[in-house]
């Protein structure tokens, strides 16, 4: 009886989704176009790399991405898109190469979730950060990502595994 009750509760209760907030952009994931559209509006592109079941992604979405101050700053200064690290949707990278979300994840060497990659107006990587950041810490991330004066190091710990001033090297073998 308990097993049946547990099953019925699991089926009846809504799933706790980690999908991106409603204010994220729905795009064709052509990052060249997304960067250009954002720049045209005086904004920068942010790519949010997430994984289903990731507790830190859930926390980022349910706490930081719901904070009114953060939401306001994001809407004013950034266009946000979500990339599922295990996803199969087609993405066009800034050099025009097309690949799946999981292939882009590998190309950019995203090793943990959540990872946020902020692009400058020309499509270069302006900032890359990984892990959960509470609203206060994320406010400092947005300062740095927008090109404003760097934030105190105690509030911002960027991911240093990938270069932030140039596009990553393509790890795929050449077809020469």
Protein backbone atom coordinates (compact mmCIF):
# COMPACT_ATOMS: atom_id res chain seq x y z
CA UNK A 1 0.00 0.00 0.00
CA UNK A 2 2.81 2.43 0.87
CA UNK A 3 4.54 1.69 -2.41
CA UNK A 4 1.34 2.42 -4.34
CA UNK A 5 0.83 5.66 -2.41
CA UNK A 6 4.43 6.77 -3.08
CA UNK A 7 4.02 6.03 -6.79
CA UNK A 8 0.75 7.96 -6.99
CA UNK A 9 2.27 10.96 -5.22
CA UNK A 10 5.29 10.92 -7.53
CA UNK A 11 3.06 10.87 -10.60
CA UNK A 12 0.59 13.44 -9.28
CA UNK A 13 3.09 16.03 -8.03
CA UNK A 14 4.49 18.43 -10.64
CA UNK A 15 8.08 17.80 -11.60
CA UNK A 16 10.61 20.33 -10.39
CA UNK A 17 11.94 21.54 -13.68
CA UNK A 18 15.29 23.22 -14.11
CA UNK A 19 14.30 24.83 -17.34
CA UNK A 20 15.44 28.36 -17.95
CA UNK A 21 13.28 31.19 -16.60
CA UNK A 22 10.59 32.67 -18.83
CA UNK A 23 12.67 35.81 -19.40
CA UNK A 24 15.38 33.83 -21.22
CA UNK A 25 15.34 34.32 -25.00
CA UNK A 26 13.94 31.67 -27.32
CA UNK A 27 16.35 31.74 -30.25
CA UNK A 28 17.52 29.47 -33.06
CA UNK A 29 20.80 29.14 -31.11
CA UNK A 30 22.79 30.82 -33.85
CA UNK A 31 25.21 32.51 -31.50
CA UNK A 32 26.48 34.84 -34.26
CA UNK A 33 22.96 36.21 -34.71
CA UNK A 34 22.27 36.22 -30.97
CA UNK A 35 25.43 38.25 -30.28
CA UNK A 36 24.60 40.70 -33.10
CA UNK A 37 20.98 41.14 -31.98
CA UNK A 38 22.05 41.70 -28.39
CA UNK A 39 24.71 44.22 -29.46
CA UNK A 40 22.19 46.07 -31.63
CA UNK A 41 20.11 46.58 -28.48
CA UNK A 42 23.15 47.62 -26.41
CA UNK A 43 23.28 44.27 -24.61
CA UNK A 44 25.57 41.28 -24.32
CA UNK A 45 24.77 37.59 -24.78
CA UNK A 46 24.95 35.17 -21.86
CA UNK A 47 24.90 31.41 -22.49
CA UNK A 48 23.77 29.38 -19.49
CA UNK A 49 25.07 25.78 -19.63
CA UNK A 50 22.92 23.53 -17.47
CA UNK A 51 22.34 19.86 -16.71
CA UNK A 52 19.07 18.18 -15.72
CA UNK A 53 19.33 17.08 -12.08
CA UNK A 54 22.13 19.53 -11.23
CA UNK A 55 21.40 20.92 -7.74
CA UNK A 56 23.48 24.05 -8.36
CA UNK A 57 21.59 24.76 -11.60
CA UNK A 58 18.32 24.36 -9.71
CA UNK A 59 19.55 26.79 -7.05
CA UNK A 60 20.70 29.34 -9.65
CA UNK A 61 17.32 29.21 -11.41
CA UNK A 62 15.15 29.15 -8.28
CA UNK A 63 17.04 31.76 -6.25
CA UNK A 64 19.38 33.98 -8.28
CA UNK A 65 17.40 34.05 -11.54
CA UNK A 66 14.25 34.95 -9.56
CA UNK A 67 15.79 37.81 -7.62
CA UNK A 68 14.06 41.01 -8.85
CA UNK A 69 17.30 43.03 -8.93
CA UNK A 70 19.11 40.34 -10.95
CA UNK A 71 16.18 39.86 -13.33
CA UNK A 72 16.02 43.62 -13.93
CA UNK A 73 19.75 43.89 -14.61
CA UNK A 74 19.69 40.86 -16.89
CA UNK A 75 16.77 42.18 -18.92
CA UNK A 76 18.38 45.62 -19.26
CA UNK A 77 21.90 44.50 -20.15
CA UNK A 78 21.89 40.93 -21.42
CA UNK A 79 20.17 38.41 -23.65
CA UNK A 80 20.20 35.00 -21.96
CA UNK A 81 20.01 31.64 -23.73
CA UNK A 82 20.08 28.17 -22.21
CA UNK A 83 22.31 25.35 -23.46
CA UNK A 84 21.66 21.81 -22.18
CA UNK A 85 25.08 20.17 -21.82
CA UNK A 86 23.57 16.85 -22.93
CA UNK A 87 21.21 18.39 -25.49
CA UNK A 88 20.89 17.63 -29.16
CA UNK A 89 19.57 20.95 -30.46
CA UNK A 90 21.70 22.43 -33.22
CA UNK A 91 23.85 25.40 -32.23
CA UNK A 92 25.82 27.67 -34.56
CA UNK A 93 29.07 28.82 -32.94
CA UNK A 94 30.44 32.32 -33.48
CA UNK A 95 32.65 31.11 -36.36
CA UNK A 96 29.66 29.63 -38.23
CA UNK A 97 30.34 25.98 -37.35
CA UNK A 98 27.21 24.02 -36.46
CA UNK A 99 27.08 21.33 -33.81
CA UNK A 100 24.82 19.92 -31.10
CA UNK A 101 24.57 21.47 -27.65
CA UNK A 102 26.66 18.62 -26.20
CA UNK A 103 29.33 19.10 -28.90
CA UNK A 104 29.48 22.83 -28.10
CA UNK A 105 29.81 21.90 -24.43
CA UNK A 106 32.83 19.75 -25.31
CA UNK A 107 34.30 22.40 -27.62
CA UNK A 108 34.16 24.99 -24.83
CA UNK A 109 35.43 22.50 -22.25
CA UNK A 110 32.47 23.03 -19.94
CA UNK A 111 33.31 20.63 -17.13
CA UNK A 112 30.81 21.65 -14.48
CA UNK A 113 27.33 23.08 -14.25
CA UNK A 114 26.10 25.65 -14.12
CA UNK A 115 28.57 27.45 -16.36
CA UNK A 116 27.82 30.93 -17.69
CA UNK A 117 29.62 32.35 -20.69
CA UNK A 118 29.21 36.05 -21.41
CA UNK A 119 30.05 37.28 -24.91
CA UNK A 120 31.23 40.75 -25.84
CA UNK A 121 29.65 42.71 -28.69
CA UNK A 122 31.95 41.08 -31.27
CA UNK A 123 31.33 37.48 -30.20
CA UNK A 124 34.45 37.02 -28.09
CA UNK A 125 34.21 35.51 -24.64
CA UNK A 126 34.16 38.37 -22.16
CA UNK A 127 33.72 36.29 -19.01
CA UNK A 128 33.21 32.69 -18.00
CA UNK A 129 32.05 31.63 -14.54
CA UNK A 130 31.07 28.26 -13.13
CA UNK A 131 29.09 27.20 -10.11
CA UNK A 132 26.29 28.68 -8.09
CA UNK A 133 26.40 32.40 -7.31
CA UNK A 134 23.89 33.90 -4.90
CA UNK A 135 22.23 37.20 -5.93
CA UNK A 136 24.92 39.35 -4.28
CA UNK A 137 27.73 37.43 -5.94
CA UNK A 138 25.87 37.36 -9.26
CA UNK A 139 25.47 41.13 -9.14
CA UNK A 140 29.28 41.33 -9.08
CA UNK A 141 29.45 38.85 -11.99
CA UNK A 142 27.15 41.12 -14.00
CA UNK A 143 29.35 44.13 -13.24
CA UNK A 144 32.35 42.34 -14.70
CA UNK A 145 30.43 40.77 -17.59
CA UNK A 146 29.06 44.14 -18.66
CA UNK A 147 32.57 45.58 -18.93
CA UNK A 148 32.29 47.73 -15.82
CA UNK A 149 35.09 47.98 -13.30
CA UNK A 150 36.20 44.56 -12.02
CA UNK A 151 34.49 43.40 -8.86
CA UNK A 152 36.33 42.44 -5.66
CA UNK A 153 37.94 39.02 -6.05
CA UNK A 154 36.18 37.73 -2.95
CA UNK A 155 32.80 38.09 -4.65
CA UNK A 156 33.80 36.76 -8.06
CA UNK A 157 35.75 33.60 -8.76
CA UNK A 158 35.88 33.10 -12.53
CA UNK A 159 36.50 29.76 -14.15
CA UNK A 160 40.05 29.96 -15.49
CA UNK A 161 40.08 26.77 -17.56
CA UNK A 162 39.24 28.51 -20.84
CA UNK A 163 40.63 31.76 -22.21
CA UNK A 164 38.29 34.72 -21.87
CA UNK A 165 39.71 37.00 -24.54
CA UNK A 166 39.65 34.70 -27.54
CA UNK A 167 37.55 31.94 -29.02
CA UNK A 168 38.52 28.45 -27.89
CA UNK A 169 40.59 26.27 -30.16
CA UNK A 170 38.51 23.71 -32.02
CA UNK A 171 39.44 20.29 -30.55
CA UNK A 172 38.01 18.39 -33.54
CA UNK A 173 40.60 16.78 -35.82
CA UNK A 174 41.26 18.67 -39.03
CA UNK A 175 40.04 17.18 -42.29
CA UNK A 176 43.17 17.88 -44.32
